[in-house]
C-alpha atoms as a PDB file:
ATOM      1  CA  MET A   1       0.005   0.057   0.026  1.00  0.00           C
ATOM      2  CA  GLN A   2       1.264   3.489  -0.955  1.00  0.00           C
ATOM      3  CA  ASN A   3       1.853   6.189   1.627  1.00  0.00           C
ATOM      4  CA  LYS A   4      -0.636   9.039   1.758  1.00  0.00           C
ATOM      5  CA  ILE A   5       0.677  12.322   0.506  1.00  0.00           C
ATOM      6  CA  LEU A   6       0.721  14.769   3.506  1.00  0.00           C
ATOM      7  CA  LEU A   7       2.884  17.472   2.137  1.00  0.00           C
ATOM      8  CA  ILE A   8       3.602  18.838  -1.407  1.00  0.00           C
ATOM      9  CA  VAL A   9       7.093  20.445  -1.678  1.00  0.00           C
ATOM     10  CA  THR A  10       7.882  22.410  -4.872  1.00  0.00           C
ATOM     11  CA  ASP A  11      10.718  24.269  -6.380  1.00  0.00           C
ATOM     12  CA  VAL A  12      10.001  27.833  -7.620  1.00  0.00           C
ATOM     13  CA  ASP A  13      11.726  28.694 -10.963  1.00  0.00           C
ATOM     14  CA  GLY A  14      10.546  26.255 -13.546  1.00  0.00           C
ATOM     15  CA  CYS A  15       7.761  24.835 -11.351  1.00  0.00           C
ATOM     16  CA  LEU A  16       5.805  27.515  -9.416  1.00  0.00           C
ATOM     17  CA  THR A  17       6.865  30.166 -12.068  1.00  0.00           C
ATOM     18  CA  GLU A  18       8.416  30.093 -15.497  1.00  0.00           C
ATOM     19  CA  GLU A  19      12.287  29.960 -15.544  1.00  0.00           C
ATOM     20  CA  ARG A  20      12.654  33.215 -17.527  1.00  0.00           C
ATOM     21  CA  ALA A  21      11.755  36.589 -16.027  1.00  0.00           C
ATOM     22  CA  THR A  22       8.087  37.028 -16.761  1.00  0.00           C
ATOM     23  CA  ALA A  23       5.149  38.406 -14.894  1.00  0.00           C
ATOM     24  CA  PHE A  24       3.159  35.977 -12.639  1.00  0.00           C
ATOM     25  CA  ASN A  25       0.003  34.269 -13.988  1.00  0.00           C
ATOM     26  CA  MET A  26      -2.266  35.480 -11.159  1.00  0.00           C
ATOM     27  CA  ALA A  27      -5.111  33.232 -12.212  1.00  0.00           C
ATOM     28  CA  ASN A  28      -2.848  30.294 -11.501  1.00  0.00           C
ATOM     29  CA  PHE A  29      -1.617  31.932  -8.269  1.00  0.00           C
ATOM     30  CA  THR A  30      -5.266  32.401  -7.167  1.00  0.00           C
ATOM     31  CA  TRP A  31      -5.929  28.717  -7.698  1.00  0.00           C
ATOM     32  CA  LEU A  32      -2.901  27.802  -5.622  1.00  0.00           C
ATOM     33  CA  ARG A  33      -3.701  30.088  -2.911  1.00  0.00           C
ATOM     34  CA  ASP A  34      -7.322  28.817  -2.716  1.00  0.00           C
ATOM     35  CA  TYR A  35      -6.105  25.201  -2.803  1.00  0.00           C
ATOM     36  CA  ASN A  36      -3.632  25.690  -0.054  1.00  0.00           C
ATOM     37  CA  ALA A  37      -6.213  27.425   2.125  1.00  0.00           C
ATOM     38  CA  LYS A  38      -8.470  24.352   1.850  1.00  0.00           C
ATOM     39  CA  ALA A  39      -5.559  21.934   2.489  1.00  0.00           C
ATOM     40  CA  GLN A  40      -4.423  23.882   5.509  1.00  0.00           C
ATOM     41  CA  ALA A  41      -8.066  23.880   6.744  1.00  0.00           C
ATOM     42  CA  GLY A  42      -7.943  20.026   6.680  1.00  0.00           C
ATOM     43  CA  GLU A  43     -10.026  19.360   3.638  1.00  0.00           C
ATOM     44  CA  SER A  44     -10.006  15.633   2.760  1.00  0.00           C
ATOM     45  CA  HIS A  45      -7.516  14.435   0.074  1.00  0.00           C
ATOM     46  CA  PHE A  46      -5.696  17.782   0.068  1.00  0.00           C
ATOM     47  CA  ALA A  47      -1.986  18.002   1.197  1.00  0.00           C
ATOM     48  CA  PRO A  48      -0.707  21.387   1.943  1.00  0.00           C
ATOM     49  CA  LEU A  49       1.960  23.071  -0.219  1.00  0.00           C
ATOM     50  CA  THR A  50       5.329  24.645   0.626  1.00  0.00           C
ATOM     51  CA  LEU A  51       8.442  25.768  -1.280  1.00  0.00           C
ATOM     52  CA  CYS A  52      11.903  24.546  -1.677  1.00  0.00           C
ATOM     53  CA  THR A  53      14.039  26.962  -3.740  1.00  0.00           C
ATOM     54  CA  GLY A  54      17.406  28.486  -4.269  1.00  0.00           C
ATOM     55  CA  ARG A  55      15.788  31.943  -4.271  1.00  0.00           C
ATOM     56  CA  PRO A  56      16.699  34.493  -1.577  1.00  0.00           C
ATOM     57  CA  GLN A  57      14.599  34.432   1.624  1.00  0.00           C
ATOM     58  CA  PRO A  58      12.892  37.915   1.110  1.00  0.00           C
ATOM     59  CA  TYR A  59      11.509  36.666  -2.313  1.00  0.00           C
ATOM     60  CA  VAL A  60      10.312  33.512  -0.778  1.00  0.00           C
ATOM     61  CA  GLU A  61       8.717  35.465   2.072  1.00  0.00           C
ATOM     62  CA  ALA A  62       6.685  37.482  -0.505  1.00  0.00           C
ATOM     63  CA  LEU A  63       5.600  34.235  -2.295  1.00  0.00           C
ATOM     64  CA  VAL A  64       4.498  32.389   0.770  1.00  0.00           C
ATOM     65  CA  LYS A  65       2.385  35.448   1.793  1.00  0.00           C
ATOM     66  CA  MET A  66       0.809  35.571  -1.700  1.00  0.00           C
ATOM     67  CA  LEU A  67       0.032  31.869  -1.726  1.00  0.00           C
ATOM     68  CA  ASN A  68      -0.935  31.631   2.047  1.00  0.00           C
ATOM     69  CA  ILE A  69       1.787  29.070   2.800  1.00  0.00           C
ATOM     70  CA  THR A  70       1.961  29.030   6.598  1.00  0.00           C
ATOM     71  CA  LEU A  71       4.317  25.913   6.933  1.00  0.00           C
ATOM     72  CA  PRO A  72       7.969  26.371   6.897  1.00  0.00           C
ATOM     73  CA  SER A  73       9.554  26.932   3.433  1.00  0.00           C
ATOM     74  CA  ILE A  74      13.082  26.304   2.232  1.00  0.00           C
ATOM     75  CA  SER A  75      15.110  29.133   0.566  1.00  0.00           C
ATOM     76  CA  GLU A  76      18.685  29.609  -0.512  1.00  0.00           C
ATOM     77  CA  ASN A  77      19.142  25.945  -1.673  1.00  0.00           C
ATOM     78  CA  GLY A  78      18.639  24.707   1.857  1.00  0.00           C
ATOM     79  CA  GLY A  79      20.351  27.522   3.695  1.00  0.00           C
ATOM     80  CA  ILE A  80      17.256  29.039   5.407  1.00  0.00           C
ATOM     81  CA  LEU A  81      13.881  27.883   6.715  1.00  0.00           C
ATOM     82  CA  TYR A  82      11.200  30.487   7.045  1.00  0.00           C
ATOM     83  CA  GLU A  83       7.754  30.131   8.770  1.00  0.00           C
ATOM     84  CA  LEU A  84       5.120  32.761   7.996  1.00  0.00           C
ATOM     85  CA  LYS A  85       2.905  31.732  11.004  1.00  0.00           C
ATOM     86  CA  THR A  86       5.612  32.576  13.544  1.00  0.00           C
ATOM     87  CA  ASN A  87       7.716  34.902  11.238  1.00  0.00           C
ATOM     88  CA  ARG A  88      10.745  32.846  12.282  1.00  0.00           C
ATOM     89  CA  TYR A  89      13.919  32.418  10.329  1.00  0.00           C
ATOM     90  CA  THR A  90      16.090  29.339  10.872  1.00  0.00           C
ATOM     91  CA  TYR A  91      19.566  29.283   9.442  1.00  0.00           C
ATOM     92  CA  LEU A  92      20.571  25.708   8.392  1.00  0.00           C
ATOM     93  CA  ALA A  93      23.954  26.724   7.140  1.00  0.00           C
ATOM     94  CA  GLY A  94      26.847  28.650   8.632  1.00  0.00           C
ATOM     95  CA  ASP A  95      29.670  30.233   6.635  1.00  0.00           C
ATOM     96  CA  SER A  96      31.211  27.763   4.129  1.00  0.00           C
ATOM     97  CA  GLY A  97      32.274  25.315   6.725  1.00  0.00           C
ATOM     98  CA  LYS A  98      35.745  26.942   6.366  1.00  0.00           C
ATOM     99  CA  GLY A  99      35.109  29.863   8.635  1.00  0.00           C
ATOM    100  CA  ASP A 100      36.909  33.185   8.402  1.00  0.00           C
ATOM    101  CA  GLY A 101      34.282  34.725   6.154  1.00  0.00           C
ATOM    102  CA  HIS A 102      35.416  32.688   3.256  1.00  0.00           C
ATOM    103  CA  LEU A 103      32.132  33.158   1.281  1.00  0.00           C
ATOM    104  CA  LEU A 104      32.414  36.847   1.526  1.00  0.00           C
ATOM    105  CA  LYS A 105      36.046  36.736   0.285  1.00  0.00           C
ATOM    106  CA  LEU A 106      34.884  34.496  -2.529  1.00  0.00           C
ATOM    107  CA  LYS A 107      32.130  37.015  -3.585  1.00  0.00           C
ATOM    108  CA  LYS A 108      34.713  39.803  -3.519  1.00  0.00           C
ATOM    109  CA  LYS A 109      37.160  37.848  -5.750  1.00  0.00           C
ATOM    110  CA  ILE A 110      34.435  36.889  -8.212  1.00  0.00           C
ATOM    111  CA  SER A 111      33.235  40.498  -8.416  1.00  0.00           C
ATOM    112  CA  GLN A 112      36.744  41.729  -9.146  1.00  0.00           C
ATOM    113  CA  GLU A 113      38.089  38.965 -11.349  1.00  0.00           C
ATOM    114  CA  LEU A 114      35.092  37.317 -13.085  1.00  0.00           C
ATOM    115  CA  LEU A 115      32.223  39.854 -13.506  1.00  0.00           C
ATOM    116  CA  PRO A 116      34.272  42.217 -15.734  1.00  0.00           C
ATOM    117  CA  LYS A 117      35.040  39.413 -18.189  1.00  0.00           C
ATOM    118  CA  ILE A 118      31.551  38.190 -18.903  1.00  0.00           C
ATOM    119  CA  GLU A 119      27.953  39.244 -18.929  1.00  0.00           C
ATOM    120  CA  THR A 120      26.892  37.979 -15.563  1.00  0.00           C
ATOM    121  CA  SER A 121      25.885  39.440 -12.128  1.00  0.00           C
ATOM    122  CA  ILE A 122      25.659  38.212  -8.484  1.00  0.00           C
ATOM    123  CA  GLN A 123      22.042  37.739  -7.318  1.00  0.00           C
ATOM    124  CA  PRO A 124      21.542  40.097  -4.343  1.00  0.00           C
ATOM    125  CA  GLY A 125      20.039  39.164  -0.974  1.00  0.00           C
ATOM    126  CA  LYS A 126      21.604  35.731  -0.389  1.00  0.00           C
ATOM    127  CA  GLU A 127      23.509  35.031   2.780  1.00  0.00           C
ATOM    128  CA  THR A 128      24.500  31.331   2.668  1.00  0.00           C
ATOM    129  CA  HIS A 129      25.736  30.826  -0.906  1.00  0.00           C
ATOM    130  CA  LEU A 130      26.346  32.793  -4.190  1.00  0.00           C
ATOM    131  CA  THR A 131      24.243  32.699  -7.413  1.00  0.00           C
ATOM    132  CA  LEU A 132      25.451  34.179 -10.600  1.00  0.00           C
ATOM    133  CA  ILE A 133      22.787  35.192 -13.140  1.00  0.00           C
ATOM    134  CA  SER A 134      23.293  35.482 -16.916  1.00  0.00           C
ATOM    135  CA  PRO A 135      20.954  36.217 -19.801  1.00  0.00           C
ATOM    136  CA  ASP A 136      21.098  32.780 -21.369  1.00  0.00           C
ATOM    137  CA  HIS A 137      22.286  29.096 -20.896  1.00  0.00           C
ATOM    138  CA  PRO A 138      25.366  29.377 -23.150  1.00  0.00           C
ATOM    139  CA  THR A 139      26.684  32.250 -21.114  1.00  0.00           C
ATOM    140  CA  ILE A 140      26.046  30.269 -17.907  1.00  0.00           C
ATOM    141  CA  GLU A 141      28.129  27.388 -19.331  1.00  0.00           C
ATOM    142  CA  LYS A 142      30.995  29.912 -20.045  1.00  0.00           C
ATOM    143  CA  VAL A 143      30.664  31.096 -16.390  1.00  0.00           C
ATOM    144  CA  ARG A 144      30.969  27.593 -15.071  1.00  0.00           C
ATOM    145  CA  HIS A 145      34.101  26.991 -17.307  1.00  0.00           C
ATOM    146  CA  LEU A 146      35.804  30.117 -15.941  1.00  0.00           C
ATOM    147  CA  LEU A 147      34.968  29.195 -12.258  1.00  0.00           C
ATOM    148  CA  GLN A 148      36.383  25.718 -12.734  1.00  0.00           C
ATOM    149  CA  ARG A 149      39.436  27.014 -14.548  1.00  0.00           C
ATOM    150  CA  ASP A 150      40.314  30.066 -12.530  1.00  0.00           C
ATOM    151  CA  PHE A 151      38.788  29.554  -9.083  1.00  0.00           C
ATOM    152  CA  ARG A 152      39.471  25.838  -8.494  1.00  0.00           C
ATOM    153  CA  GLU A 153      41.244  26.342  -5.208  1.00  0.00           C
ATOM    154  CA  ASP A 154      38.732  28.969  -3.984  1.00  0.00           C
ATOM    155  CA  LEU A 155      35.884  26.558  -4.774  1.00  0.00           C
ATOM    156  CA  ASN A 156      37.229  23.685  -2.690  1.00  0.00           C
ATOM    157  CA  GLY A 157      34.341  22.595  -0.431  1.00  0.00           C
ATOM    158  CA  TYR A 158      31.655  23.929  -2.757  1.00  0.00           C
ATOM    159  CA  LEU A 159      29.309  22.476  -5.312  1.00  0.00           C
ATOM    160  CA  LEU A 160      28.298  24.176  -8.605  1.00  0.00           C
ATOM    161  CA  THR A 161      24.565  23.535  -9.531  1.00  0.00           C
ATOM    162  CA  ILE A 162      23.401  24.895 -12.872  1.00  0.00           C
ATOM    163  CA  SER A 163      19.958  25.824 -14.228  1.00  0.00           C
ATOM    164  CA  GLU A 164      18.822  27.646 -17.380  1.00  0.00           C
ATOM    165  CA  ASN A 165      20.170  31.130 -16.521  1.00  0.00           C
ATOM    166  CA  CYS A 166      21.998  30.797 -13.256  1.00  0.00           C
ATOM    167  CA  ILE A 167      24.809  28.969 -11.436  1.00  0.00           C
ATOM    168  CA  ASN A 168      24.898  28.379  -7.653  1.00  0.00           C
ATOM    169  CA  ILE A 169      28.026  28.084  -5.666  1.00  0.00           C
ATOM    170  CA  VAL A 170      26.854  26.196  -2.636  1.00  0.00           C
ATOM    171  CA  PRO A 171      28.879  24.905   0.419  1.00  0.00           C
ATOM    172  CA  GLN A 172      28.935  21.067   0.317  1.00  0.00           C
ATOM    173  CA  HIS A 173      27.641  20.734   3.838  1.00  0.00           C
ATOM    174  CA  PHE A 174      23.997  21.640   2.891  1.00  0.00           C
ATOM    175  CA  ASP A 175      21.647  21.316   0.030  1.00  0.00           C
ATOM    176  CA  LYS A 176      17.835  21.101  -0.621  1.00  0.00           C
ATOM    177  CA  GLY A 177      18.040  17.472   0.581  1.00  0.00           C
ATOM    178  CA  THR A 178      19.475  18.227   3.982  1.00  0.00           C
ATOM    179  CA  ALA A 179      16.827  21.083   4.394  1.00  0.00           C
ATOM    180  CA  LEU A 180      14.004  18.683   3.450  1.00  0.00           C
ATOM    181  CA  LEU A 181      15.124  16.215   6.217  1.00  0.00           C
ATOM    182  CA  LYS A 182      15.154  19.067   8.726  1.00  0.00           C
ATOM    183  CA  LEU A 183      11.655  20.069   7.480  1.00  0.00           C
ATOM    184  CA  SER A 184      10.533  16.476   7.874  1.00  0.00           C
ATOM    185  CA  GLU A 185      11.799  16.389  11.499  1.00  0.00           C
ATOM    186  CA  LEU A 186      10.211  19.616  12.315  1.00  0.00           C
ATOM    187  CA  LEU A 187       6.707  18.818  10.911  1.00  0.00           C
ATOM    188  CA  GLN A 188       7.022  15.108  11.916  1.00  0.00           C
ATOM    189  CA  ILE A 189       6.081  14.164   8.309  1.00  0.00           C
ATOM    190  CA  PRO A 190       8.251  11.341   6.784  1.00  0.00           C
ATOM    191  CA  PRO A 191       9.717  12.118   3.422  1.00  0.00           C
ATOM    192  CA  GLN A 192       7.832   8.946   2.197  1.00  0.00           C
ATOM    193  CA  ASN A 193       4.621  10.947   2.778  1.00  0.00           C
ATOM    194  CA  MET A 194       5.766  13.883   0.674  1.00  0.00           C
ATOM    195  CA  ALA A 195       5.439  14.769  -3.050  1.00  0.00           C
ATOM    196  CA  GLY A 196       8.602  16.651  -4.272  1.00  0.00           C
ATOM    197  CA  ILE A 197       8.393  18.752  -7.437  1.00  0.00           C
ATOM    198  CA  GLY A 198      11.412  20.055  -9.312  1.00  0.00           C
ATOM    199  CA  ASP A 199      12.763  20.688 -12.867  1.00  0.00           C
ATOM    200  CA  THR A 200      16.518  20.852 -12.735  1.00  0.00           C
ATOM    201  CA  GLU A 201      19.417  18.717 -11.298  1.00  0.00           C
ATOM    202  CA  ALA A 202      19.715  21.073  -8.284  1.00  0.00           C
ATOM    203  CA  ASP A 203      16.284  19.770  -7.149  1.00  0.00           C
ATOM    204  CA  MET A 204      17.342  16.063  -7.305  1.00  0.00           C
ATOM    205  CA  ALA A 205      18.872  16.284  -3.794  1.00  0.00           C
ATOM    206  CA  PHE A 206      15.327  16.550  -2.277  1.00  0.00           C
ATOM    207  CA  MET A 207      13.344  14.838  -4.912  1.00  0.00           C
ATOM    208  CA  LYS A 208      15.289  11.588  -4.379  1.00  0.00           C
ATOM    209  CA  LEU A 209      14.144  11.520  -0.702  1.00  0.00           C
ATOM    210  CA  VAL A 210      10.463  11.726  -1.142  1.00  0.00           C
ATOM    211  CA  GLY A 211       7.901   9.085  -1.798  1.00  0.00           C
ATOM    212  CA  TYR A 212       6.481  10.866  -4.829  1.00  0.00           C
ATOM    213  CA  PRO A 213       9.055  12.707  -7.026  1.00  0.00           C
ATOM    214  CA  MET A 214       7.072  14.584  -9.825  1.00  0.00           C
ATOM    215  CA  CYS A 215       7.977  17.217 -12.346  1.00  0.00           C
ATOM    216  CA  PRO A 216       6.463  19.505 -15.002  1.00  0.00           C
ATOM    217  CA  ALA A 217       6.889  18.907 -18.715  1.00  0.00           C
ATOM    218  CA  ASN A 218       9.732  21.413 -18.869  1.00  0.00           C
ATOM    219  CA  ALA A 219      11.997  19.391 -16.484  1.00  0.00           C
ATOM    220  CA  VAL A 220      15.465  18.312 -17.709  1.00  0.00           C
ATOM    221  CA  PRO A 221      15.857  14.542 -18.730  1.00  0.00           C
ATOM    222  CA  ALA A 222      17.802  13.732 -15.558  1.00  0.00           C
ATOM    223  CA  VAL A 223      14.958  14.890 -13.303  1.00  0.00           C
ATOM    224  CA  LYS A 224      12.300  13.134 -15.473  1.00  0.00           C
ATOM    225  CA  SER A 225      14.241   9.825 -15.092  1.00  0.00           C
ATOM    226  CA  ILE A 226      13.626   9.670 -11.368  1.00  0.00           C
ATOM    227  CA  CYS A 227       9.998  10.783 -11.331  1.00  0.00           C
ATOM    228  CA  HIS A 228       6.928   8.758 -10.752  1.00  0.00           C
ATOM    229  CA  TYR A 229       4.769  11.283 -12.642  1.00  0.00           C
ATOM    230  CA  VAL A 230       5.718  13.684 -15.379  1.00  0.00           C
ATOM    231  CA  ALA A 231       3.001  16.313 -16.116  1.00  0.00           C
ATOM    232  CA  GLU A 232       1.823  17.133 -19.605  1.00  0.00           C
ATOM    233  CA  LYS A 233       1.908  20.771 -18.999  1.00  0.00           C
ATOM    234  CA  GLN A 234       4.755  23.181 -18.235  1.00  0.00           C
ATOM    235  CA  TYR A 235       5.615  25.464 -15.352  1.00  0.00           C
ATOM    236  CA  THR A 236       2.737  26.702 -13.074  1.00  0.00           C
ATOM    237  CA  ALA A 237       0.139  24.789 -15.100  1.00  0.00           C
ATOM    238  CA  GLY A 238       2.188  21.681 -14.774  1.00  0.00           C
ATOM    239  CA  LEU A 239       2.379  22.255 -11.038  1.00  0.00           C
ATOM    240  CA  ILE A 240      -1.401  22.530 -10.801  1.00  0.00           C
ATOM    241  CA  GLU A 241      -1.713  19.331 -12.825  1.00  0.00           C
ATOM    242  CA  ILE A 242       0.624  17.494 -10.389  1.00  0.00           C
ATOM    243  CA  ILE A 243      -1.303  18.789  -7.401  1.00  0.00           C
ATOM    244  CA  GLU A 244      -4.543  17.497  -8.885  1.00  0.00           C
ATOM    245  CA  LYS A 245      -2.731  14.067  -9.371  1.00  0.00           C
ATOM    246  CA  CYS A 246      -1.790  14.105  -5.635  1.00  0.00           C
ATOM    247  CA  VAL A 247      -5.430  14.738  -4.674  1.00  0.00           C
ATOM    248  CA  ALA A 248      -6.404  11.879  -6.940  1.00  0.00           C
ATOM    249  CA  ILE A 249      -3.914   9.544  -5.358  1.00  0.00           C
ATOM    250  CA  ASN A 250      -5.038  10.453  -1.778  1.00  0.00           C
ATOM    251  CA  ARG A 251      -8.699  10.066  -2.885  1.00  0.00           C
ATOM    252  CA  LYS A 252      -8.155   6.634  -4.318  1.00  0.00           C
ATOM    253  CA  MET A 253      -6.350   5.546  -1.264  1.00  0.00           C
ATOM    254  CA  GLU A 254      -8.849   6.830   1.177  1.00  0.00           C
ATOM    255  CA  GLU A 255     -11.697   5.284  -0.675  1.00  0.00           C
ATOM    256  CA  ASN A 256      -9.810   1.964  -0.971  1.00  0.00           C
ATOM    257  CA  ALA A 257     -10.515   1.856  -4.715  1.00  0.00           C
ATOM    258  CA  VAL A 258      -7.020   1.047  -5.600  1.00  0.00           C
ATOM    259  CA  SER A 259      -4.322  -0.855  -3.621  1.00  0.00           C
ATOM    260  CA  GLY A 260      -0.699  -0.545  -4.419  1.00  0.00           C
ATOM    261  CA  LEU A 261      -1.224   2.072  -7.167  1.00  0.00           C
ATOM    262  CA  THR A 262       2.044   2.909  -8.923  1.00  0.00           C
ATOM    263  CA  PHE A 263       3.067   5.249 -11.829  1.00  0.00           C
ATOM    264  CA  PRO A 264       5.629   4.275 -14.374  1.00  0.00           C
ATOM    265  CA  ILE A 265       9.076   5.790 -14.261  1.00  0.00           C
ATOM    266  CA  HIS A 266       9.578   8.241 -17.128  1.00  0.00           C
ATOM    267  CA  GLY A 267      12.975   7.891 -18.873  1.00  0.00           C
END
């Protein structure tokens, strides 16, 4: 028998929103807000929604207020937990693990030696790691090459994770997976009772831990290969499709209509 889905954890860019910089689809956001209000009120079959993203905490705080997400959310690739209900911030990561302000020194060196060479910028507002933003994926690949070539010693102890238009420089001692385990402990919800939604390889750290890894149609092949369900739609519409699938799974389980329901792995 499958586990009931008690929590839905989704990435932001590429799942809750489009990867590129576009205006929010407010009709979809209204749907998600109304759904989450019902879920948090205990409506049958509905699992509440929360976020797991690399975005800075202030941006995530605005999103959870917009979507009425009162459960703790994960920001900065696992560096910070924020709970709207108590307005509490929990830091899950210190400096880089090296101490002595290494992350700030790395930021200064990249600003002086890398940024003048290539069209990229450091995303503001982050405290636990660095994110470099560029206008397109080919530029991001060039940034990764320069980092690996010219900053090898400085990046010892860090991981580089890449998406469509950004590259994250994250200390090895935390990621979205370690944050999900902390969230699981805090809420007393086993990962097996969670659905995890992502679209890039940076999301796989938490998606591999949950009972129901799922993704929108725009996900990269590596993510699709570990998912139990791949939506037909992209981005926010795909997220809504996945949430409806989660409700259907819970409904079928509660009604004892199907025992041992499984979805094929999408390669």
